[in-house]
All heavy atoms as atom14 arrays in JSON, in Angstrom:
{
  "sequence": "LLLITVMANSGAGIAHAMSKIPVIGTIAEIVTFRHYENSENNMDAD",
  "atom14_mask": [
    [1, 1, 1, 1, 1, 1, 1, 1, 0, 0, 0, 0, 0, 0],
    [1, 1, 1, 1, 1, 1, 1, 1, 0, 0, 0, 0, 0, 0],
    [1, 1, 1, 1, 1, 1, 1, 1, 0, 0, 0, 0, 0, 0],
    [1, 1, 1, 1, 1, 1, 1, 1, 0, 0, 0, 0, 0, 0],
    [1, 1, 1, 1, 1, 1, 1, 0, 0, 0, 0, 0, 0, 0],
    [1, 1, 1, 1, 1, 1, 1, 0, 0, 0, 0, 0, 0, 0],
    [1, 1, 1, 1, 1, 1, 1, 1, 0, 0, 0, 0, 0, 0],
    [1, 1, 1, 1, 1, 0, 0, 0, 0, 0, 0, 0, 0, 0],
    [1, 1, 1, 1, 1, 1, 1, 1, 0, 0, 0, 0, 0, 0],
    [1, 1, 1, 1, 1, 1, 0, 0, 0, 0, 0, 0, 0, 0],
    [1, 1, 1, 1, 0, 0, 0, 0, 0, 0, 0, 0, 0, 0],
    [1, 1, 1, 1, 1, 0, 0, 0, 0, 0, 0, 0, 0, 0],
    [1, 1, 1, 1, 0, 0, 0, 0, 0, 0, 0, 0, 0, 0],
    [1, 1, 1, 1, 1, 1, 1, 1, 0, 0, 0, 0, 0, 0],
    [1, 1, 1, 1, 1, 0, 0, 0, 0, 0, 0, 0, 0, 0],
    [1, 1, 1, 1, 1, 1, 1, 1, 1, 1, 0, 0, 0, 0],
    [1, 1, 1, 1, 1, 0, 0, 0, 0, 0, 0, 0, 0, 0],
    [1, 1, 1, 1, 1, 1, 1, 1, 0, 0, 0, 0, 0, 0],
    [1, 1, 1, 1, 1, 1, 0, 0, 0, 0, 0, 0, 0, 0],
    [1, 1, 1, 1, 1, 1, 1, 1, 1, 0, 0, 0, 0, 0],
    [1, 1, 1, 1, 1, 1, 1, 1, 0, 0, 0, 0, 0, 0],
    [1, 1, 1, 1, 1, 1, 1, 0, 0, 0, 0, 0, 0, 0],
    [1, 1, 1, 1, 1, 1, 1, 0, 0, 0, 0, 0, 0, 0],
    [1, 1, 1, 1, 1, 1, 1, 1, 0, 0, 0, 0, 0, 0],
    [1, 1, 1, 1, 0, 0, 0, 0, 0, 0, 0, 0, 0, 0],
    [1, 1, 1, 1, 1, 1, 1, 0, 0, 0, 0, 0, 0, 0],
    [1, 1, 1, 1, 1, 1, 1, 1, 0, 0, 0, 0, 0, 0],
    [1, 1, 1, 1, 1, 0, 0, 0, 0, 0, 0, 0, 0, 0],
    [1, 1, 1, 1, 1, 1, 1, 1, 1, 0, 0, 0, 0, 0],
    [1, 1, 1, 1, 1, 1, 1, 1, 0, 0, 0, 0, 0, 0],
    [1, 1, 1, 1, 1, 1, 1, 0, 0, 0, 0, 0, 0, 0],
    [1, 1, 1, 1, 1, 1, 1, 0, 0, 0, 0, 0, 0, 0],
    [1, 1, 1, 1, 1, 1, 1, 1, 1, 1, 1, 0, 0, 0],
    [1, 1, 1, 1, 1, 1, 1, 1, 1, 1, 1, 0, 0, 0],
    [1, 1, 1, 1, 1, 1, 1, 1, 1, 1, 0, 0, 0, 0],
    [1, 1, 1, 1, 1, 1, 1, 1, 1, 1, 1, 1, 0, 0],
    [1, 1, 1, 1, 1, 1, 1, 1, 1, 0, 0, 0, 0, 0],
    [1, 1, 1, 1, 1, 1, 1, 1, 0, 0, 0, 0, 0, 0],
    [1, 1, 1, 1, 1, 1, 0, 0, 0, 0, 0, 0, 0, 0],
    [1, 1, 1, 1, 1, 1, 1, 1, 1, 0, 0, 0, 0, 0],
    [1, 1, 1, 1, 1, 1, 1, 1, 0, 0, 0, 0, 0, 0],
    [1, 1, 1, 1, 1, 1, 1, 1, 0, 0, 0, 0, 0, 0],
    [1, 1, 1, 1, 1, 1, 1, 1, 0, 0, 0, 0, 0, 0],
    [1, 1, 1, 1, 1, 1, 1, 1, 0, 0, 0, 0, 0, 0],
    [1, 1, 1, 1, 1, 0, 0, 0, 0, 0, 0, 0, 0, 0],
    [1, 1, 1, 1, 1, 1, 1, 1, 0, 0, 0, 0, 0, 0]
  ],
  "atom14_positions": [
    [[114.82, -3.14, 86.83], [114.08, -2.05, 87.47], [115.03, -0.94, 87.91], [114.72, 0.25, 87.76], [113.3, -2.58, 88.66], [112.51, -1.54, 89.48], [111.53, -0.81, 88.59], [111.78, -2.21, 90.61], [0.0, 0.0, 0.0], [0.0, 0.0, 0.0], [0.0, 0.0, 0.0], [0.0, 0.0, 0.0], [0.0, 0.0, 0.0], [0.0, 0.0, 0.0]],
    [[116.2, -1.31, 88.45], [117.18, -0.3, 88.85], [117.66, 0.48, 87.64], [117.86, 1.69, 87.7], [118.37, -0.97, 89.55], [118.07, -1.56, 90.93], [119.31, -2.25, 91.48], [117.58, -0.5, 91.88], [0.0, 0.0, 0.0], [0.0, 0.0, 0.0], [0.0, 0.0, 0.0], [0.0, 0.0, 0.0], [0.0, 0.0, 0.0], [0.0, 0.0, 0.0]],
    [[117.85, -0.2, 86.49], [118.27, 0.48, 85.27], [117.2, 1.46, 84.82], [117.5, 2.59, 84.44], [118.54, -0.55, 84.18], [118.89, 0.02, 82.79], [120.15, 0.88, 82.88], [119.07, -1.1, 81.79], [0.0, 0.0, 0.0], [0.0, 0.0, 0.0], [0.0, 0.0, 0.0], [0.0, 0.0, 0.0], [0.0, 0.0, 0.0], [0.0, 0.0, 0.0]],
    [[115.93, 1.05, 84.89], [114.84, 1.94, 84.52], [114.81, 3.17, 85.41], [114.58, 4.29, 84.97], [113.5, 1.18, 84.6], [113.43, 0.13, 83.48], [112.31, 2.14, 84.47], [112.26, -0.82, 83.6], [0.0, 0.0, 0.0], [0.0, 0.0, 0.0], [0.0, 0.0, 0.0], [0.0, 0.0, 0.0], [0.0, 0.0, 0.0], [0.0, 0.0, 0.0]],
    [[115.08, 2.99, 86.7], [115.1, 4.11, 87.65], [116.16, 5.11, 87.26], [115.94, 6.32, 87.3], [115.38, 3.59, 89.07], [114.33, 2.69, 89.43], [115.4, 4.74, 90.06], [0.0, 0.0, 0.0], [0.0, 0.0, 0.0], [0.0, 0.0, 0.0], [0.0, 0.0, 0.0], [0.0, 0.0, 0.0], [0.0, 0.0, 0.0], [0.0, 0.0, 0.0]],
    [[117.35, 4.64, 86.84], [118.41, 5.54, 86.39], [117.98, 6.27, 85.13], [118.16, 7.47, 84.99], [119.71, 4.74, 86.14], [120.77, 5.64, 85.52], [120.24, 4.17, 87.46], [0.0, 0.0, 0.0], [0.0, 0.0, 0.0], [0.0, 0.0, 0.0], [0.0, 0.0, 0.0], [0.0, 0.0, 0.0], [0.0, 0.0, 0.0], [0.0, 0.0, 0.0]],
    [[117.35, 5.52, 84.18], [116.9, 6.14, 82.95], [115.88, 7.23, 83.22], [115.83, 8.24, 82.53], [116.29, 5.08, 82.03], [117.29, 4.1, 81.44], [116.47, 2.77, 80.56], [115.61, 3.68, 79.29], [0.0, 0.0, 0.0], [0.0, 0.0, 0.0], [0.0, 0.0, 0.0], [0.0, 0.0, 0.0], [0.0, 0.0, 0.0], [0.0, 0.0, 0.0]],
    [[115.06, 7.03, 84.24], [114.01, 8.0, 84.54], [114.56, 9.35, 84.91], [113.89, 10.36, 84.79], [113.13, 7.48, 85.68], [0.0, 0.0, 0.0], [0.0, 0.0, 0.0], [0.0, 0.0, 0.0], [0.0, 0.0, 0.0], [0.0, 0.0, 0.0], [0.0, 0.0, 0.0], [0.0, 0.0, 0.0], [0.0, 0.0, 0.0], [0.0, 0.0, 0.0]],
    [[115.81, 9.41, 85.35], [116.44, 10.68, 85.71], [117.09, 11.35, 84.51], [117.62, 12.44, 84.62], [117.51, 10.46, 86.78], [116.9, 10.13, 88.11], [115.82, 10.6, 88.43], [117.58, 9.33, 88.89], [0.0, 0.0, 0.0], [0.0, 0.0, 0.0], [0.0, 0.0, 0.0], [0.0, 0.0, 0.0], [0.0, 0.0, 0.0], [0.0, 0.0, 0.0]],
    [[117.09, 10.7, 83.35], [117.88, 11.17, 82.23], [117.12, 12.09, 81.29], [117.73, 12.77, 80.47], [118.43, 9.98, 81.44], [119.22, 9.18, 82.29], [0.0, 0.0, 0.0], [0.0, 0.0, 0.0], [0.0, 0.0, 0.0], [0.0, 0.0, 0.0], [0.0, 0.0, 0.0], [0.0, 0.0, 0.0], [0.0, 0.0, 0.0], [0.0, 0.0, 0.0]],
    [[115.79, 12.11, 81.33], [115.07, 12.97, 80.43], [113.61, 13.08, 80.81], [113.05, 12.2, 81.46], [0.0, 0.0, 0.0], [0.0, 0.0, 0.0], [0.0, 0.0, 0.0], [0.0, 0.0, 0.0], [0.0, 0.0, 0.0], [0.0, 0.0, 0.0], [0.0, 0.0, 0.0], [0.0, 0.0, 0.0], [0.0, 0.0, 0.0], [0.0, 0.0, 0.0]],
    [[112.96, 14.18, 80.39], [111.59, 14.42, 80.8], [110.64, 13.36, 80.27], [109.75, 12.9, 80.97], [111.15, 15.81, 80.31], [0.0, 0.0, 0.0], [0.0, 0.0, 0.0], [0.0, 0.0, 0.0], [0.0, 0.0, 0.0], [0.0, 0.0, 0.0], [0.0, 0.0, 0.0], [0.0, 0.0, 0.0], [0.0, 0.0, 0.0], [0.0, 0.0, 0.0]],
    [[110.81, 12.94, 79.0], [109.92, 11.95, 78.42], [109.99, 10.62, 79.12], [108.98, 10.02, 79.47], [0.0, 0.0, 0.0], [0.0, 0.0, 0.0], [0.0, 0.0, 0.0], [0.0, 0.0, 0.0], [0.0, 0.0, 0.0], [0.0, 0.0, 0.0], [0.0, 0.0, 0.0], [0.0, 0.0, 0.0], [0.0, 0.0, 0.0], [0.0, 0.0, 0.0]],
    [[111.21, 10.13, 79.35], [111.39, 8.86, 80.03], [110.9, 8.96, 81.46], [110.25, 8.06, 81.98], [112.87, 8.44, 79.99], [113.31, 8.19, 78.54], [113.1, 7.18, 80.8], [114.77, 7.89, 78.38], [0.0, 0.0, 0.0], [0.0, 0.0, 0.0], [0.0, 0.0, 0.0], [0.0, 0.0, 0.0], [0.0, 0.0, 0.0], [0.0, 0.0, 0.0]],
    [[111.21, 10.07, 82.12], [110.8, 10.24, 83.51], [109.3, 10.18, 83.64], [108.76, 9.58, 84.57], [111.34, 11.56, 84.05], [0.0, 0.0, 0.0], [0.0, 0.0, 0.0], [0.0, 0.0, 0.0], [0.0, 0.0, 0.0], [0.0, 0.0, 0.0], [0.0, 0.0, 0.0], [0.0, 0.0, 0.0], [0.0, 0.0, 0.0], [0.0, 0.0, 0.0]],
    [[108.59, 10.81, 82.71], [107.13, 10.81, 82.77], [106.59, 9.39, 82.59], [105.68, 8.97, 83.3], [106.56, 11.73, 81.7], [105.06, 11.75, 81.66], [104.3, 12.39, 82.61], [104.19, 11.18, 80.79], [103.02, 12.23, 82.33], [102.93, 11.49, 81.23], [0.0, 0.0, 0.0], [0.0, 0.0, 0.0], [0.0, 0.0, 0.0], [0.0, 0.0, 0.0]],
    [[107.15, 8.66, 81.63], [106.68, 7.31, 81.36], [106.91, 6.37, 82.52], [106.16, 5.43, 82.75], [107.37, 6.77, 80.11], [0.0, 0.0, 0.0], [0.0, 0.0, 0.0], [0.0, 0.0, 0.0], [0.0, 0.0, 0.0], [0.0, 0.0, 0.0], [0.0, 0.0, 0.0], [0.0, 0.0, 0.0], [0.0, 0.0, 0.0], [0.0, 0.0, 0.0]],
    [[107.97, 6.61, 83.29], [108.33, 5.72, 84.38], [107.86, 6.23, 85.74], [108.25, 5.69, 86.77], [109.86, 5.56, 84.42], [110.44, 4.98, 83.14], [109.71, 3.36, 82.77], [110.48, 3.04, 81.18], [0.0, 0.0, 0.0], [0.0, 0.0, 0.0], [0.0, 0.0, 0.0], [0.0, 0.0, 0.0], [0.0, 0.0, 0.0], [0.0, 0.0, 0.0]],
    [[107.01, 7.24, 85.76], [106.7, 7.92, 87.03], [106.0, 7.03, 88.05], [106.01, 7.33, 89.23], [105.82, 9.14, 86.75], [104.6, 8.74, 86.15], [0.0, 0.0, 0.0], [0.0, 0.0, 0.0], [0.0, 0.0, 0.0], [0.0, 0.0, 0.0], [0.0, 0.0, 0.0], [0.0, 0.0, 0.0], [0.0, 0.0, 0.0], [0.0, 0.0, 0.0]],
    [[105.38, 5.91, 87.61], [104.65, 5.08, 88.55], [105.48, 3.94, 89.12], [104.99, 3.13, 89.9], [103.41, 4.51, 87.85], [102.39, 5.59, 87.48], [101.13, 4.99, 86.89], [100.12, 6.06, 86.57], [98.87, 5.49, 85.99], [0.0, 0.0, 0.0], [0.0, 0.0, 0.0], [0.0, 0.0, 0.0], [0.0, 0.0, 0.0], [0.0, 0.0, 0.0]],
    [[106.75, 3.82, 88.71], [107.6, 2.75, 89.21], [108.14, 3.13, 90.58], [108.71, 4.21, 90.75], [108.77, 2.49, 88.24], [108.22, 1.97, 86.92], [109.76, 1.5, 88.83], [109.26, 1.75, 85.86], [0.0, 0.0, 0.0], [0.0, 0.0, 0.0], [0.0, 0.0, 0.0], [0.0, 0.0, 0.0], [0.0, 0.0, 0.0], [0.0, 0.0, 0.0]],
    [[107.98, 2.27, 91.59], [108.48, 2.6, 92.93], [109.99, 2.59, 92.98], [110.63, 1.74, 92.38], [107.89, 1.48, 93.81], [107.71, 0.34, 92.86], [107.33, 0.96, 91.55], [0.0, 0.0, 0.0], [0.0, 0.0, 0.0], [0.0, 0.0, 0.0], [0.0, 0.0, 0.0], [0.0, 0.0, 0.0], [0.0, 0.0, 0.0], [0.0, 0.0, 0.0]],
    [[110.58, 3.55, 93.67], [112.03, 3.65, 93.77], [112.42, 3.88, 95.22], [111.6, 4.24, 96.05], [112.58, 4.8, 92.9], [112.37, 4.51, 91.43], [111.91, 6.12, 93.27], [0.0, 0.0, 0.0], [0.0, 0.0, 0.0], [0.0, 0.0, 0.0], [0.0, 0.0, 0.0], [0.0, 0.0, 0.0], [0.0, 0.0, 0.0], [0.0, 0.0, 0.0]],
    [[113.69, 3.66, 95.52], [114.2, 3.86, 96.86], [115.11, 5.09, 96.87], [116.0, 5.2, 96.04], [114.98, 2.63, 97.34], [114.03, 1.42, 97.4], [115.62, 2.86, 98.69], [114.7, 0.13, 97.72], [0.0, 0.0, 0.0], [0.0, 0.0, 0.0], [0.0, 0.0, 0.0], [0.0, 0.0, 0.0], [0.0, 0.0, 0.0], [0.0, 0.0, 0.0]],
    [[114.9, 6.0, 97.82], [115.72, 7.19, 97.92], [115.14, 8.34, 97.12], [114.14, 8.21, 96.42], [0.0, 0.0, 0.0], [0.0, 0.0, 0.0], [0.0, 0.0, 0.0], [0.0, 0.0, 0.0], [0.0, 0.0, 0.0], [0.0, 0.0, 0.0], [0.0, 0.0, 0.0], [0.0, 0.0, 0.0], [0.0, 0.0, 0.0], [0.0, 0.0, 0.0]],
    [[115.79, 9.49, 97.23], [115.32, 10.69, 96.53], [115.54, 10.57, 95.03], [116.56, 10.09, 94.58], [116.08, 11.92, 97.06], [115.78, 12.08, 98.44], [115.67, 13.18, 96.31], [0.0, 0.0, 0.0], [0.0, 0.0, 0.0], [0.0, 0.0, 0.0], [0.0, 0.0, 0.0], [0.0, 0.0, 0.0], [0.0, 0.0, 0.0], [0.0, 0.0, 0.0]],
    [[114.55, 11.02, 94.27], [114.67, 11.08, 92.82], [114.66, 12.54, 92.4], [113.79, 13.3, 92.81], [113.5, 10.34, 92.14], [113.73, 8.83, 92.16], [113.33, 10.81, 90.71], [114.79, 8.35, 91.22], [0.0, 0.0, 0.0], [0.0, 0.0, 0.0], [0.0, 0.0, 0.0], [0.0, 0.0, 0.0], [0.0, 0.0, 0.0], [0.0, 0.0, 0.0]],
    [[115.64, 12.93, 91.6], [115.66, 14.28, 91.03], [115.63, 14.13, 89.51], [116.32, 13.29, 88.96], [116.93, 15.02, 91.45], [0.0, 0.0, 0.0], [0.0, 0.0, 0.0], [0.0, 0.0, 0.0], [0.0, 0.0, 0.0], [0.0, 0.0, 0.0], [0.0, 0.0, 0.0], [0.0, 0.0, 0.0], [0.0, 0.0, 0.0], [0.0, 0.0, 0.0]],
    [[114.78, 14.92, 88.87], [114.62, 14.76, 87.43], [114.22, 16.08, 86.78], [113.64, 16.95, 87.42], [113.57, 13.69, 87.13], [112.21, 13.98, 87.77], [111.27, 12.79, 87.74], [111.71, 11.7, 87.35], [110.11, 12.96, 88.12], [0.0, 0.0, 0.0], [0.0, 0.0, 0.0], [0.0, 0.0, 0.0], [0.0, 0.0, 0.0], [0.0, 0.0, 0.0]],
    [[114.56, 16.2, 85.5], [114.12, 17.34, 84.7], [112.71, 16.99, 84.2], [112.53, 15.99, 83.52], [115.04, 17.56, 83.5], [116.47, 17.65, 83.95], [114.57, 18.77, 82.69], [117.03, 18.95, 84.23], [0.0, 0.0, 0.0], [0.0, 0.0, 0.0], [0.0, 0.0, 0.0], [0.0, 0.0, 0.0], [0.0, 0.0, 0.0], [0.0, 0.0, 0.0]],
    [[111.73, 17.78, 84.54], [110.36, 17.45, 84.15], [109.87, 18.26, 82.95], [108.97, 17.82, 82.23], [109.4, 17.64, 85.34], [109.68, 16.61, 86.41], [109.47, 19.04, 85.92], [0.0, 0.0, 0.0], [0.0, 0.0, 0.0], [0.0, 0.0, 0.0], [0.0, 0.0, 0.0], [0.0, 0.0, 0.0], [0.0, 0.0, 0.0], [0.0, 0.0, 0.0]],
    [[110.44, 19.43, 82.73], [110.05, 20.23, 81.57], [111.07, 21.36, 81.4], [111.95, 21.55, 82.24], [108.65, 20.84, 81.76], [108.26, 21.5, 80.54], [108.63, 21.85, 82.9], [0.0, 0.0, 0.0], [0.0, 0.0, 0.0], [0.0, 0.0, 0.0], [0.0, 0.0, 0.0], [0.0, 0.0, 0.0], [0.0, 0.0, 0.0], [0.0, 0.0, 0.0]],
    [[110.98, 22.09, 80.31], [111.81, 23.29, 80.15], [111.11, 24.27, 79.23], [110.26, 23.9, 78.42], [113.21, 22.93, 79.62], [113.27, 22.67, 78.14], [113.6, 23.68, 77.25], [112.98, 21.41, 77.62], [113.66, 23.44, 75.88], [113.03, 21.16, 76.26], [113.37, 22.18, 75.39], [0.0, 0.0, 0.0], [0.0, 0.0, 0.0], [0.0, 0.0, 0.0]],
    [[111.45, 25.54, 79.4], [110.93, 26.55, 78.49], [112.11, 27.14, 77.73], [113.28, 27.02, 78.14], [110.16, 27.64, 79.23], [110.93, 28.47, 80.2], [109.99, 29.41, 80.97], [110.69, 30.25, 81.92], [111.17, 31.46, 81.64], [111.02, 31.96, 80.43], [111.78, 32.17, 82.57], [0.0, 0.0, 0.0], [0.0, 0.0, 0.0], [0.0, 0.0, 0.0]],
    [[111.8, 27.75, 76.6], [112.84, 28.18, 75.68], [112.64, 29.66, 75.36], [111.6, 30.06, 74.81], [112.74, 27.34, 74.4], [113.94, 27.41, 73.54], [114.08, 26.66, 72.39], [115.08, 28.13, 73.65], [115.25, 26.92, 71.83], [115.87, 27.82, 72.58], [0.0, 0.0, 0.0], [0.0, 0.0, 0.0], [0.0, 0.0, 0.0], [0.0, 0.0, 0.0]],
    [[113.6, 30.48, 75.74], [113.54, 31.91, 75.41], [114.41, 32.14, 74.17], [115.61, 31.86, 74.17], [114.08, 32.74, 76.57], [114.16, 34.24, 76.27], [113.09, 35.08, 76.57], [115.3, 34.79, 75.71], [113.15, 36.44, 76.31], [115.37, 36.15, 75.44], [114.3, 36.97, 75.74], [114.38, 38.32, 75.46], [0.0, 0.0, 0.0], [0.0, 0.0, 0.0]],
    [[113.79, 32.64, 73.12], [114.51, 32.97, 71.89], [114.14, 34.38, 71.45], [112.98, 34.78, 71.54], [114.15, 31.98, 70.77], [114.66, 30.57, 70.96], [114.32, 29.68, 69.78], [113.12, 29.27, 69.69], [115.2, 29.41, 68.95], [0.0, 0.0, 0.0], [0.0, 0.0, 0.0], [0.0, 0.0, 0.0], [0.0, 0.0, 0.0], [0.0, 0.0, 0.0]],
    [[115.13, 35.11, 70.96], [114.86, 36.45, 70.47], [115.97, 36.85, 69.5], [117.13, 36.43, 69.64], [114.8, 37.45, 71.63], [114.24, 38.79, 71.18], [113.08, 38.89, 70.82], [115.08, 39.82, 71.17], [0.0, 0.0, 0.0], [0.0, 0.0, 0.0], [0.0, 0.0, 0.0], [0.0, 0.0, 0.0], [0.0, 0.0, 0.0], [0.0, 0.0, 0.0]],
    [[115.6, 37.66, 68.52], [116.58, 38.16, 67.56], [116.17, 39.55, 67.1], [115.08, 39.73, 66.53], [116.68, 37.22, 66.35], [117.64, 37.68, 65.44], [0.0, 0.0, 0.0], [0.0, 0.0, 0.0], [0.0, 0.0, 0.0], [0.0, 0.0, 0.0], [0.0, 0.0, 0.0], [0.0, 0.0, 0.0], [0.0, 0.0, 0.0], [0.0, 0.0, 0.0]],
    [[117.01, 40.53, 67.42], [116.76, 41.91, 67.02], [118.07, 42.58, 66.65], [119.03, 42.54, 67.42], [116.1, 42.71, 68.16], [114.71, 42.26, 68.55], [114.1, 43.14, 69.63], [114.23, 44.38, 69.5], [113.55, 42.59, 70.6], [0.0, 0.0, 0.0], [0.0, 0.0, 0.0], [0.0, 0.0, 0.0], [0.0, 0.0, 0.0], [0.0, 0.0, 0.0]],
    [[118.1, 43.2, 65.47], [119.27, 44.0, 65.05], [120.59, 43.24, 65.23], [121.56, 43.76, 65.77], [119.32, 45.32, 65.83], [118.12, 46.2, 65.55], [117.53, 46.14, 64.46], [117.73, 46.99, 66.54], [0.0, 0.0, 0.0], [0.0, 0.0, 0.0], [0.0, 0.0, 0.0], [0.0, 0.0, 0.0], [0.0, 0.0, 0.0], [0.0, 0.0, 0.0]],
    [[120.59, 41.99, 64.79], [121.79, 41.16, 64.87], [122.22, 40.87, 66.31], [123.39, 40.63, 66.59], [122.96, 41.82, 64.11], [124.01, 40.8, 63.68], [123.68, 39.64, 63.42], [125.26, 41.22, 63.64], [0.0, 0.0, 0.0], [0.0, 0.0, 0.0], [0.0, 0.0, 0.0], [0.0, 0.0, 0.0], [0.0, 0.0, 0.0], [0.0, 0.0, 0.0]],
    [[121.25, 40.91, 67.22], [121.49, 40.56, 68.61], [120.56, 39.39, 68.95], [119.33, 39.53, 68.94], [121.22, 41.76, 69.52], [122.1, 42.97, 69.18], [121.71, 44.45, 70.16], [122.49, 44.02, 71.72], [0.0, 0.0, 0.0], [0.0, 0.0, 0.0], [0.0, 0.0, 0.0], [0.0, 0.0, 0.0], [0.0, 0.0, 0.0], [0.0, 0.0, 0.0]],
    [[121.16, 38.23, 69.21], [120.39, 36.99, 69.33], [120.52, 36.39, 70.72], [121.58, 36.46, 71.37], [120.88, 35.96, 68.3], [120.82, 36.51, 66.88], [119.77, 37.04, 66.5], [121.84, 36.4, 66.16], [0.0, 0.0, 0.0], [0.0, 0.0, 0.0], [0.0, 0.0, 0.0], [0.0, 0.0, 0.0], [0.0, 0.0, 0.0], [0.0, 0.0, 0.0]],
    [[119.43, 35.74, 71.15], [119.43, 35.03, 72.42], [118.77, 33.67, 72.23], [117.73, 33.56, 71.57], [118.69, 35.82, 73.5], [0.0, 0.0, 0.0], [0.0, 0.0, 0.0], [0.0, 0.0, 0.0], [0.0, 0.0, 0.0], [0.0, 0.0, 0.0], [0.0, 0.0, 0.0], [0.0, 0.0, 0.0], [0.0, 0.0, 0.0], [0.0, 0.0, 0.0]],
    [[119.37, 32.66, 72.82], [118.84, 31.29, 72.76], [119.09, 30.67, 74.13], [120.18, 30.2, 74.43], [119.55, 30.49, 71.66], [118.98, 29.09, 71.51], [118.06, 28.73, 72.26], [119.47, 28.33, 70.64], [0.0, 0.0, 0.0], [0.0, 0.0, 0.0], [0.0, 0.0, 0.0], [0.0, 0.0, 0.0], [0.0, 0.0, 0.0], [0.0, 0.0, 0.0]]
  ]
}
């Protein structure tokens, strides 16, 4: 269970799947992300 708790902090998919497991202490996790992409006149952003 402690290993699962550590895994839950490692990625959004795992964190979501493990969200109902009780843990001790503060949990910080990446829950989602957005992606800004643009390309104009050989000027690119990712």
